[in-house]
Amino acid sequence: MKHENSLEVKREKDVLWKPSYEWYLKIFAIVLGTLTVLFFTLNIVLKPYMRQINPELTPWLNGGNSNKVATE
């Protein structure tokens, strides 16, 4: 019985490094920032390859001028 408890304590001591909440926050910020920069970079780079959507299909992208487009 005493031997089992000493093994459990030894396992906890064998851990060389345990990440803290600050580490998790830092890594989360790095990943989020990288994904954000990647998104906007790809958006700029791939802009010529994006297809144009007709304004009739998406009147909310037309600034509320759906009537003007429909009558033209």
PDB file of N, CA and C in Angstrom:
ATOM      1  N   MET A   1       0.836  -1.196   0.000  1.00  0.00           N
ATOM      2  CA  MET A   1       0.000   0.000   0.000  1.00  0.00           C
ATOM      3  C   MET A   1       0.878   1.256   0.000  1.00  0.00           C
ATOM      4  N   LYS A   2       1.867   1.280   0.799  1.00  0.00           N
ATOM      5  CA  LYS A   2       2.745   2.425   0.858  1.00  0.00           C
ATOM      6  C   LYS A   2       3.512   2.592  -0.460  1.00  0.00           C
ATOM      7  N   HIS A   3       3.819   1.476  -1.044  1.00  0.00           N
ATOM      8  CA  HIS A   3       4.561   1.485  -2.299  1.00  0.00           C
ATOM      9  C   HIS A   3       3.744   2.135  -3.426  1.00  0.00           C
ATOM     10  N   GLU A   4       2.440   1.879  -3.501  1.00  0.00           N
ATOM     11  CA  GLU A   4       1.586   2.457  -4.534  1.00  0.00           C
ATOM     12  C   GLU A   4       1.527   3.978  -4.411  1.00  0.00           C
ATOM     13  N   ASN A   5       1.406   4.474  -3.202  1.00  0.00           N
ATOM     14  CA  ASN A   5       1.344   5.930  -2.995  1.00  0.00           C
ATOM     15  C   ASN A   5       2.649   6.594  -3.405  1.00  0.00           C
ATOM     16  N   SER A   6       3.746   5.964  -3.153  1.00  0.00           N
ATOM     17  CA  SER A   6       5.025   6.554  -3.520  1.00  0.00           C
ATOM     18  C   SER A   6       5.176   6.600  -5.047  1.00  0.00           C
ATOM     19  N   LEU A   7       4.574   5.635  -5.760  1.00  0.00           N
ATOM     20  CA  LEU A   7       4.615   5.664  -7.224  1.00  0.00           C
ATOM     21  C   LEU A   7       3.801   6.836  -7.769  1.00  0.00           C
ATOM     22  N   GLU A   8       2.659   7.111  -7.158  1.00  0.00           N
ATOM     23  CA  GLU A   8       1.842   8.227  -7.611  1.00  0.00           C
ATOM     24  C   GLU A   8       2.574   9.548  -7.411  1.00  0.00           C
ATOM     25  N   VAL A   9       3.232   9.695  -6.305  1.00  0.00           N
ATOM     26  CA  VAL A   9       3.995  10.914  -6.047  1.00  0.00           C
ATOM     27  C   VAL A   9       5.157  11.002  -7.018  1.00  0.00           C
ATOM     28  N   LYS A  10       5.789   9.884  -7.293  1.00  0.00           N
ATOM     29  CA  LYS A  10       6.927   9.888  -8.199  1.00  0.00           C
ATOM     30  C   LYS A  10       6.480  10.275  -9.615  1.00  0.00           C
ATOM     31  N   ARG A  11       5.311   9.831 -10.048  1.00  0.00           N
ATOM     32  CA  ARG A  11       4.821  10.199 -11.373  1.00  0.00           C
ATOM     33  C   ARG A  11       4.616  11.708 -11.482  1.00  0.00           C
ATOM     34  N   GLU A  12       4.125  12.318 -10.447  1.00  0.00           N
ATOM     35  CA  GLU A  12       3.945  13.771 -10.470  1.00  0.00           C
ATOM     36  C   GLU A  12       5.289  14.483 -10.529  1.00  0.00           C
ATOM     37  N   LYS A  13       6.281  13.938  -9.889  1.00  0.00           N
ATOM     38  CA  LYS A  13       7.602  14.565  -9.906  1.00  0.00           C
ATOM     39  C   LYS A  13       8.320  14.337 -11.232  1.00  0.00           C
ATOM     40  N   ASP A  14       7.943  13.299 -11.980  1.00  0.00           N
ATOM     41  CA  ASP A  14       8.594  13.017 -13.250  1.00  0.00           C
ATOM     42  C   ASP A  14       8.232  14.032 -14.335  1.00  0.00           C
ATOM     43  N   VAL A  15       7.172  14.773 -14.143  1.00  0.00           N
ATOM     44  CA  VAL A  15       6.782  15.773 -15.129  1.00  0.00           C
ATOM     45  C   VAL A  15       7.811  16.901 -15.094  1.00  0.00           C
ATOM     46  N   LEU A  16       8.461  17.112 -16.237  1.00  0.00           N
ATOM     47  CA  LEU A  16       9.499  18.135 -16.281  1.00  0.00           C
ATOM     48  C   LEU A  16       8.927  19.537 -16.468  1.00  0.00           C
ATOM     49  N   TRP A  17       7.830  19.618 -17.212  1.00  0.00           N
ATOM     50  CA  TRP A  17       7.259  20.930 -17.499  1.00  0.00           C
ATOM     51  C   TRP A  17       5.758  20.808 -17.645  1.00  0.00           C
ATOM     52  N   LYS A  18       5.043  21.697 -17.025  1.00  0.00           N
ATOM     53  CA  LYS A  18       3.593  21.734 -17.123  1.00  0.00           C
ATOM     54  C   LYS A  18       3.204  23.140 -17.557  1.00  0.00           C
ATOM     55  N   PRO A  19       2.465  23.271 -18.679  1.00  0.00           N
ATOM     56  CA  PRO A  19       2.132  24.608 -19.172  1.00  0.00           C
ATOM     57  C   PRO A  19       1.209  25.359 -18.215  1.00  0.00           C
ATOM     58  N   SER A  20       1.445  26.644 -18.117  1.00  0.00           N
ATOM     59  CA  SER A  20       0.623  27.491 -17.255  1.00  0.00           C
ATOM     60  C   SER A  20      -0.484  28.141 -18.092  1.00  0.00           C
ATOM     61  N   TYR A  21      -1.388  28.820 -17.426  1.00  0.00           N
ATOM     62  CA  TYR A  21      -2.464  29.522 -18.130  1.00  0.00           C
ATOM     63  C   TYR A  21      -1.908  30.648 -18.994  1.00  0.00           C
ATOM     64  N   GLU A  22      -0.837  31.273 -18.546  1.00  0.00           N
ATOM     65  CA  GLU A  22      -0.222  32.324 -19.344  1.00  0.00           C
ATOM     66  C   GLU A  22       0.331  31.757 -20.644  1.00  0.00           C
ATOM     67  N   TRP A  23       0.899  30.555 -20.586  1.00  0.00           N
ATOM     68  CA  TRP A  23       1.430  29.908 -21.776  1.00  0.00           C
ATOM     69  C   TRP A  23       0.301  29.603 -22.756  1.00  0.00           C
ATOM     70  N   TYR A  24      -0.802  29.051 -22.239  1.00  0.00           N
ATOM     71  CA  TYR A  24      -1.953  28.763 -23.093  1.00  0.00           C
ATOM     72  C   TYR A  24      -2.483  30.040 -23.741  1.00  0.00           C
ATOM     73  N   LEU A  25      -2.566  31.122 -22.993  1.00  0.00           N
ATOM     74  CA  LEU A  25      -3.046  32.392 -23.520  1.00  0.00           C
ATOM     75  C   LEU A  25      -2.111  32.919 -24.605  1.00  0.00           C
ATOM     76  N   LYS A  26      -0.817  32.813 -24.387  1.00  0.00           N
ATOM     77  CA  LYS A  26       0.163  33.268 -25.361  1.00  0.00           C
ATOM     78  C   LYS A  26       0.067  32.462 -26.653  1.00  0.00           C
ATOM     79  N   ILE A  27      -0.033  31.150 -26.547  1.00  0.00           N
ATOM     80  CA  ILE A  27      -0.139  30.291 -27.726  1.00  0.00           C
ATOM     81  C   ILE A  27      -1.454  30.555 -28.459  1.00  0.00           C
ATOM     82  N   PHE A  28      -2.543  30.729 -27.712  1.00  0.00           N
ATOM     83  CA  PHE A  28      -3.837  31.042 -28.323  1.00  0.00           C
ATOM     84  C   PHE A  28      -3.759  32.352 -29.099  1.00  0.00           C
ATOM     85  N   ALA A  29      -3.118  33.357 -28.532  1.00  0.00           N
ATOM     86  CA  ALA A  29      -2.982  34.652 -29.207  1.00  0.00           C
ATOM     87  C   ALA A  29      -2.130  34.518 -30.465  1.00  0.00           C
ATOM     88  N   ILE A  30      -1.071  33.731 -30.415  1.00  0.00           N
ATOM     89  CA  ILE A  30      -0.214  33.527 -31.579  1.00  0.00           C
ATOM     90  C   ILE A  30      -0.978  32.821 -32.688  1.00  0.00           C
ATOM     91  N   VAL A  31      -1.714  31.768 -32.344  1.00  0.00           N
ATOM     92  CA  VAL A  31      -2.476  31.021 -33.348  1.00  0.00           C
ATOM     93  C   VAL A  31      -3.574  31.898 -33.946  1.00  0.00           C
ATOM     94  N   LEU A  32      -4.289  32.631 -33.112  1.00  0.00           N
ATOM     95  CA  LEU A  32      -5.353  33.505 -33.594  1.00  0.00           C
ATOM     96  C   LEU A  32      -4.797  34.604 -34.502  1.00  0.00           C
ATOM     97  N   GLY A  33      -3.707  35.199 -34.097  1.00  0.00           N
ATOM     98  CA  GLY A  33      -3.079  36.235 -34.916  1.00  0.00           C
ATOM     99  C   GLY A  33      -2.583  35.697 -36.247  1.00  0.00           C
ATOM    100  N   THR A  34      -1.983  34.513 -36.220  1.00  0.00           N
ATOM    101  CA  THR A  34      -1.500  33.902 -37.455  1.00  0.00           C
ATOM    102  C   THR A  34      -2.650  33.592 -38.400  1.00  0.00           C
ATOM    103  N   LEU A  35      -3.732  33.028 -37.872  1.00  0.00           N
ATOM    104  CA  LEU A  35      -4.892  32.724 -38.714  1.00  0.00           C
ATOM    105  C   LEU A  35      -5.523  33.987 -39.292  1.00  0.00           C
ATOM    106  N   THR A  36      -5.571  35.056 -38.508  1.00  0.00           N
ATOM    107  CA  THR A  36      -6.133  36.316 -38.979  1.00  0.00           C
ATOM    108  C   THR A  36      -5.290  36.901 -40.107  1.00  0.00           C
ATOM    109  N   VAL A  37      -3.984  36.928 -39.919  1.00  0.00           N
ATOM    110  CA  VAL A  37      -3.087  37.450 -40.957  1.00  0.00           C
ATOM    111  C   VAL A  37      -3.165  36.576 -42.204  1.00  0.00           C
ATOM    112  N   LEU A  38      -3.202  35.266 -42.032  1.00  0.00           N
ATOM    113  CA  LEU A  38      -3.309  34.352 -43.165  1.00  0.00           C
ATOM    114  C   LEU A  38      -4.612  34.573 -43.936  1.00  0.00           C
ATOM    115  N   PHE A  39      -5.711  34.754 -43.212  1.00  0.00           N
ATOM    116  CA  PHE A  39      -7.005  34.982 -43.860  1.00  0.00           C
ATOM    117  C   PHE A  39      -6.977  36.232 -44.729  1.00  0.00           C
ATOM    118  N   PHE A  40      -6.523  37.351 -44.168  1.00  0.00           N
ATOM    119  CA  PHE A  40      -6.529  38.596 -44.925  1.00  0.00           C
ATOM    120  C   PHE A  40      -5.501  38.579 -46.055  1.00  0.00           C
ATOM    121  N   THR A  41      -4.379  37.913 -45.851  1.00  0.00           N
ATOM    122  CA  THR A  41      -3.382  37.797 -46.911  1.00  0.00           C
ATOM    123  C   THR A  41      -3.945  37.000 -48.088  1.00  0.00           C
ATOM    124  N   LEU A  42      -4.570  35.857 -47.782  1.00  0.00           N
ATOM    125  CA  LEU A  42      -5.168  35.063 -48.855  1.00  0.00           C
ATOM    126  C   LEU A  42      -6.325  35.794 -49.519  1.00  0.00           C
ATOM    127  N   ASN A  43      -7.061  36.572 -48.753  1.00  0.00           N
ATOM    128  CA  ASN A  43      -8.164  37.349 -49.320  1.00  0.00           C
ATOM    129  C   ASN A  43      -7.633  38.371 -50.333  1.00  0.00           C
ATOM    130  N   ILE A  44      -6.526  39.004 -50.023  1.00  0.00           N
ATOM    131  CA  ILE A  44      -5.934  39.989 -50.927  1.00  0.00           C
ATOM    132  C   ILE A  44      -5.311  39.298 -52.141  1.00  0.00           C
ATOM    133  N   VAL A  45      -4.576  38.220 -51.895  1.00  0.00           N
ATOM    134  CA  VAL A  45      -3.876  37.531 -52.977  1.00  0.00           C
ATOM    135  C   VAL A  45      -4.859  36.876 -53.957  1.00  0.00           C
ATOM    136  N   LEU A  46      -5.929  36.295 -53.431  1.00  0.00           N
ATOM    137  CA  LEU A  46      -6.865  35.558 -54.271  1.00  0.00           C
ATOM    138  C   LEU A  46      -8.034  36.407 -54.769  1.00  0.00           C
ATOM    139  N   LYS A  47      -8.003  37.703 -54.530  1.00  0.00           N
ATOM    140  CA  LYS A  47      -9.094  38.586 -54.948  1.00  0.00           C
ATOM    141  C   LYS A  47      -9.393  38.491 -56.446  1.00  0.00           C
ATOM    142  N   PRO A  48      -8.398  38.437 -57.333  1.00  0.00           N
ATOM    143  CA  PRO A  48      -8.712  38.337 -58.764  1.00  0.00           C
ATOM    144  C   PRO A  48      -9.430  37.039 -59.145  1.00  0.00           C
ATOM    145  N   TYR A  49      -9.312  36.024 -58.339  1.00  0.00           N
ATOM    146  CA  TYR A  49      -9.908  34.737 -58.664  1.00  0.00           C
ATOM    147  C   TYR A  49     -11.300  34.542 -58.069  1.00  0.00           C
ATOM    148  N   MET A  50     -11.784  35.515 -57.286  1.00  0.00           N
ATOM    149  CA  MET A  50     -13.115  35.413 -56.709  1.00  0.00           C
ATOM    150  C   MET A  50     -14.163  35.731 -57.762  1.00  0.00           C
ATOM    151  N   ARG A  51     -15.227  34.965 -57.788  1.00  0.00           N
ATOM    152  CA  ARG A  51     -16.261  35.202 -58.785  1.00  0.00           C
ATOM    153  C   ARG A  51     -17.143  36.371 -58.353  1.00  0.00           C
ATOM    154  N   GLN A  52     -17.676  37.067 -59.333  1.00  0.00           N
ATOM    155  CA  GLN A  52     -18.572  38.189 -59.071  1.00  0.00           C
ATOM    156  C   GLN A  52     -20.003  37.667 -58.952  1.00  0.00           C
ATOM    157  N   ILE A  53     -20.681  38.061 -57.894  1.00  0.00           N
ATOM    158  CA  ILE A  53     -22.055  37.637 -57.653  1.00  0.00           C
ATOM    159  C   ILE A  53     -22.992  38.744 -58.113  1.00  0.00           C
ATOM    160  N   ASN A  54     -24.039  38.369 -58.815  1.00  0.00           N
ATOM    161  CA  ASN A  54     -25.012  39.358 -59.296  1.00  0.00           C
ATOM    162  C   ASN A  54     -25.672  40.065 -58.115  1.00  0.00           C
ATOM    163  N   PRO A  55     -25.869  41.383 -58.217  1.00  0.00           N
ATOM    164  CA  PRO A  55     -26.501  42.125 -57.115  1.00  0.00           C
ATOM    165  C   PRO A  55     -27.938  41.685 -56.841  1.00  0.00           C
ATOM    166  N   GLU A  56     -28.604  41.119 -57.826  1.00  0.00           N
ATOM    167  CA  GLU A  56     -29.981  40.662 -57.612  1.00  0.00           C
ATOM    168  C   GLU A  56     -30.037  39.485 -56.643  1.00  0.00           C
ATOM    169  N   LEU A  57     -28.969  38.711 -56.628  1.00  0.00           N
ATOM    170  CA  LEU A  57     -28.932  37.548 -55.742  1.00  0.00           C
ATOM    171  C   LEU A  57     -28.618  37.925 -54.301  1.00  0.00           C
ATOM    172  N   THR A  58     -27.887  39.013 -54.111  1.00  0.00           N
ATOM    173  CA  THR A  58     -27.483  39.434 -52.770  1.00  0.00           C
ATOM    174  C   THR A  58     -27.758  40.920 -52.581  1.00  0.00           C
ATOM    175  N   PRO A  59     -29.030  41.291 -52.359  1.00  0.00           N
ATOM    176  CA  PRO A  59     -29.330  42.722 -52.211  1.00  0.00           C
ATOM    177  C   PRO A  59     -28.711  43.343 -50.952  1.00  0.00           C
ATOM    178  N   TRP A  60     -28.425  42.551 -49.932  1.00  0.00           N
ATOM    179  CA  TRP A  60     -27.838  43.107 -48.703  1.00  0.00           C
ATOM    180  C   TRP A  60     -26.396  43.553 -48.932  1.00  0.00           C
ATOM    181  N   LEU A  61     -25.736  43.043 -49.978  1.00  0.00           N
ATOM    182  CA  LEU A  61     -24.383  43.492 -50.299  1.00  0.00           C
ATOM    183  C   LEU A  61     -24.399  44.749 -51.153  1.00  0.00           C
ATOM    184  N   ASN A  62     -25.572  45.126 -51.620  1.00  0.00           N
ATOM    185  CA  ASN A  62     -25.711  46.259 -52.516  1.00  0.00           C
ATOM    186  C   ASN A  62     -25.983  47.556 -51.758  1.00  0.00           C
ATOM    187  N   GLY A  63     -25.932  47.533 -50.461  1.00  0.00           N
ATOM    188  CA  GLY A  63     -26.153  48.736 -49.668  1.00  0.00           C
ATOM    189  C   GLY A  63     -27.609  49.138 -49.590  1.00  0.00           C
ATOM    190  N   GLY A  64     -28.516  48.188 -49.699  1.00  0.00           N
ATOM    191  CA  GLY A  64     -29.936  48.490 -49.602  1.00  0.00           C
ATOM    192  C   GLY A  64     -30.534  49.059 -50.864  1.00  0.00           C
ATOM    193  N   ASN A  65     -29.824  49.030 -51.978  1.00  0.00           N
ATOM    194  CA  ASN A  65     -30.316  49.557 -53.247  1.00  0.00           C
ATOM    195  C   ASN A  65     -30.891  48.448 -54.113  1.00  0.00           C
ATOM    196  N   SER A  66     -31.589  47.516 -53.520  1.00  0.00           N
ATOM    197  CA  SER A  66     -32.123  46.387 -54.289  1.00  0.00           C
ATOM    198  C   SER A  66     -33.214  46.844 -55.259  1.00  0.00           C
ATOM    199  N   ASN A  67     -33.983  47.870 -54.894  1.00  0.00           N
ATOM    200  CA  ASN A  67     -35.018  48.373 -55.795  1.00  0.00           C
ATOM    201  C   ASN A  67     -34.417  49.026 -57.027  1.00  0.00           C
ATOM    202  N   LYS A  68     -33.331  49.751 -56.827  1.00  0.00           N
ATOM    203  CA  LYS A  68     -32.679  50.439 -57.922  1.00  0.00           C
ATOM    204  C   LYS A  68     -32.132  49.416 -58.937  1.00  0.00           C
ATOM    205  N   VAL A  69     -31.553  48.340 -58.422  1.00  0.00           N
ATOM    206  CA  VAL A  69     -30.980  47.326 -59.303  1.00  0.00           C
ATOM    207  C   VAL A  69     -32.086  46.573 -60.020  1.00  0.00           C
ATOM    208  N   ALA A  70     -33.174  46.283 -59.312  1.00  0.00           N
ATOM    209  CA  ALA A  70     -34.267  45.510 -59.915  1.00  0.00           C
ATOM    210  C   ALA A  70     -34.962  46.286 -61.023  1.00  0.00           C
ATOM    211  N   THR A  71     -35.010  47.621 -60.940  1.00  0.00           N
ATOM    212  CA  THR A  71     -35.705  48.398 -61.941  1.00  0.00           C
ATOM    213  C   THR A  71     -34.836  48.720 -63.145  1.00  0.00           C
ATOM    214  N   GLU A  72     -33.529  48.576 -63.016  1.00  0.00           N
ATOM    215  CA  GLU A  72     -32.627  48.928 -64.128  1.00  0.00           C
ATOM    216  C   GLU A  72     -32.625  47.913 -65.219  1.00  0.00           C
TER     217      GLU A  72
END
